[in-house]
């Protein structure tokens, strides 16, 4: 009889411990999932605000002052000032540039986006369309690093 009571008590505590551990694991997964979703929204917001709405203040809101652009345009100065100048020059090159984020994938502190771009070059009036890929490292709600590929559609402007 005592053995049955001891086994029952041990099982009871095992169930409580396992349930508690599962809740902790679920809480961690939920927290990680929330961060990933927040980071995806930051990445999408970059395109919506900077390109589509031409809101340069989004750089201060979304980017670290120590931003590292690992795929800088020719002549781009390092840091936030150089990045901001390049973005402004880029959006000024087009009278109606629009970007659509087609895909976002988040893992850890990184978000990858695939975008389509469409616009008219302000000087040549030539219409352009193209696609790019971006990889953002986002720490504490700010983009600290950015990589991009797929700018061939800009050649010949």
Protein backbone atom coordinates (compact mmCIF):
# COMPACT_ATOMS: atom_id res chain seq x y z
CA UNK A 1 0.00 0.00 0.00
CA UNK A 2 2.80 2.42 0.92
CA UNK A 3 4.55 1.61 -2.33
CA UNK A 4 1.41 2.47 -4.28
CA UNK A 5 1.10 5.81 -2.46
CA UNK A 6 4.78 6.62 -3.09
CA UNK A 7 4.47 5.70 -6.77
CA UNK A 8 1.32 7.83 -7.06
CA UNK A 9 3.03 10.79 -5.41
CA UNK A 10 6.10 10.41 -7.67
CA UNK A 11 3.90 10.21 -10.76
CA UNK A 12 1.98 13.27 -9.61
CA UNK A 13 5.19 15.31 -9.26
CA UNK A 14 6.50 14.02 -12.60
CA UNK A 15 3.30 15.13 -14.32
CA UNK A 16 3.56 18.57 -12.69
CA UNK A 17 7.24 18.89 -13.64
CA UNK A 18 6.61 17.81 -17.24
CA UNK A 19 3.63 20.13 -17.59
CA UNK A 20 5.65 23.03 -16.19
CA UNK A 21 8.54 22.27 -18.55
CA UNK A 22 6.16 22.08 -21.54
CA UNK A 23 4.65 25.44 -20.59
CA UNK A 24 8.12 27.00 -20.35
CA UNK A 25 9.04 25.53 -23.74
CA UNK A 26 5.78 26.82 -25.26
CA UNK A 27 6.38 30.27 -23.76
CA UNK A 28 9.89 30.38 -25.24
CA UNK A 29 8.59 29.28 -28.64
CA UNK A 30 5.81 31.89 -28.48
CA UNK A 31 8.34 34.61 -27.56
CA UNK A 32 10.66 33.57 -30.40
CA UNK A 33 7.75 33.46 -32.83
CA UNK A 34 6.65 36.94 -31.77
CA UNK A 35 10.18 38.32 -32.33
CA UNK A 36 10.35 36.69 -35.78
CA UNK A 37 7.00 38.21 -36.76
CA UNK A 38 8.06 41.62 -35.43
CA UNK A 39 11.30 41.42 -37.42
CA UNK A 40 9.41 40.47 -40.59
CA UNK A 41 7.19 43.52 -40.13
CA UNK A 42 10.26 45.74 -39.71
CA UNK A 43 11.73 44.42 -42.97
CA UNK A 44 8.50 44.97 -44.90
CA UNK A 45 8.07 48.41 -43.33
CA UNK A 46 11.48 49.43 -44.66
CA UNK A 47 10.24 49.02 -48.24
CA UNK A 48 6.79 50.44 -47.65
CA UNK A 49 8.06 53.55 -45.89
CA UNK A 50 11.38 54.24 -47.64
CA UNK A 51 10.49 53.36 -51.21
CA UNK A 52 6.72 53.43 -51.60
CA UNK A 53 6.06 56.42 -49.32
CA UNK A 54 9.50 58.06 -49.74
CA UNK A 55 9.65 58.58 -45.98
CA UNK A 56 13.36 58.98 -45.17
CA UNK A 57 12.65 59.32 -41.44
CA UNK A 58 11.97 55.57 -41.54
CA UNK A 59 15.75 55.12 -41.71
CA UNK A 60 16.15 56.60 -38.23
CA UNK A 61 13.20 54.53 -36.99
CA UNK A 62 14.24 51.21 -38.55
CA UNK A 63 18.03 51.24 -38.87
CA UNK A 64 20.87 51.19 -36.35
CA UNK A 65 23.16 54.22 -36.51
CA UNK A 66 25.95 51.69 -37.13
CA UNK A 67 24.23 50.07 -40.13
CA UNK A 68 26.55 47.99 -42.27
CA UNK A 69 25.46 47.78 -45.91
CA UNK A 70 27.24 44.67 -47.15
CA UNK A 71 26.09 45.37 -50.74
CA UNK A 72 26.67 49.12 -51.06
CA UNK A 73 26.07 51.00 -54.28
CA UNK A 74 29.18 52.44 -55.89
CA UNK A 75 30.47 55.42 -53.89
CA UNK A 76 28.25 54.77 -50.86
CA UNK A 77 29.86 56.06 -47.67
CA UNK A 78 29.75 53.81 -44.61
CA UNK A 79 27.31 54.28 -41.75
CA UNK A 80 23.85 55.72 -41.47
CA UNK A 81 24.68 59.01 -43.24
CA UNK A 82 26.08 57.27 -46.31
CA UNK A 83 23.19 54.82 -46.34
CA UNK A 84 20.61 57.60 -46.07
CA UNK A 85 22.25 59.61 -48.87
CA UNK A 86 22.30 56.57 -51.16
CA UNK A 87 18.64 55.72 -50.47
CA UNK A 88 17.61 59.32 -51.16
CA UNK A 89 19.56 59.40 -54.44
CA UNK A 90 18.09 56.04 -55.42
CA UNK A 91 14.45 57.00 -54.88
CA UNK A 92 15.05 60.37 -56.57
CA UNK A 93 16.17 58.48 -59.70
CA UNK A 94 12.58 57.31 -60.22
CA UNK A 95 9.39 59.31 -60.50
CA UNK A 96 7.08 56.51 -59.45
CA UNK A 97 9.10 53.66 -57.96
CA UNK A 98 7.03 51.02 -56.16
CA UNK A 99 8.29 47.88 -54.46
CA UNK A 100 6.19 44.88 -53.51
CA UNK A 101 7.49 42.41 -50.95
CA UNK A 102 6.54 39.00 -52.30
CA UNK A 103 8.10 36.72 -49.66
CA UNK A 104 9.53 37.04 -46.16
CA UNK A 105 11.37 34.36 -44.23
CA UNK A 106 12.68 34.87 -40.70
CA UNK A 107 15.09 32.81 -38.66
CA UNK A 108 17.05 33.91 -35.62
CA UNK A 109 17.95 37.59 -36.01
CA UNK A 110 17.70 37.54 -39.82
CA UNK A 111 14.88 38.24 -42.27
CA UNK A 112 15.06 37.51 -45.97
CA UNK A 113 12.75 39.25 -48.42
CA UNK A 114 12.07 38.80 -52.11
CA UNK A 115 10.71 41.88 -53.83
CA UNK A 116 9.51 43.08 -57.21
CA UNK A 117 10.23 46.65 -58.26
CA UNK A 118 8.59 48.83 -60.91
CA UNK A 119 9.17 52.43 -61.84
CA UNK A 120 10.09 55.05 -64.39
CA UNK A 121 13.58 56.52 -64.51
CA UNK A 122 13.18 60.27 -63.87
CA UNK A 123 15.71 61.39 -66.51
CA UNK A 124 15.38 58.85 -69.33
CA UNK A 125 11.66 58.15 -68.74
CA UNK A 126 12.53 54.50 -69.30
CA UNK A 127 10.27 52.04 -67.47
CA UNK A 128 12.02 49.43 -65.38
CA UNK A 129 10.93 46.30 -63.58
CA UNK A 130 13.00 43.86 -61.64
CA UNK A 131 13.39 41.68 -58.62
CA UNK A 132 15.80 41.67 -55.71
CA UNK A 133 16.57 39.68 -52.60
CA UNK A 134 17.46 41.28 -49.28
CA UNK A 135 18.81 39.83 -46.06
CA UNK A 136 18.46 41.95 -42.94
CA UNK A 137 19.99 41.35 -39.52
CA UNK A 138 17.63 42.89 -36.97
CA UNK A 139 18.68 43.31 -33.36
CA UNK A 140 16.52 45.03 -30.75
CA UNK A 141 14.10 46.24 -33.43
CA UNK A 142 16.75 47.88 -35.65
CA UNK A 143 18.40 46.76 -38.87
CA UNK A 144 22.13 46.42 -38.13
CA UNK A 145 23.23 44.73 -41.36
CA UNK A 146 21.80 44.55 -44.86
CA UNK A 147 22.76 42.46 -47.90
CA UNK A 148 21.08 42.58 -51.30
CA UNK A 149 21.29 40.89 -54.70
CA UNK A 150 19.53 41.25 -58.00
CA UNK A 151 20.11 44.83 -59.12
CA UNK A 152 20.89 43.87 -62.74
CA UNK A 153 17.61 45.41 -63.86
CA UNK A 154 19.16 48.83 -63.16
CA UNK A 155 21.93 48.33 -65.72
CA UNK A 156 21.70 50.55 -68.78
CA UNK A 157 19.70 53.37 -67.24
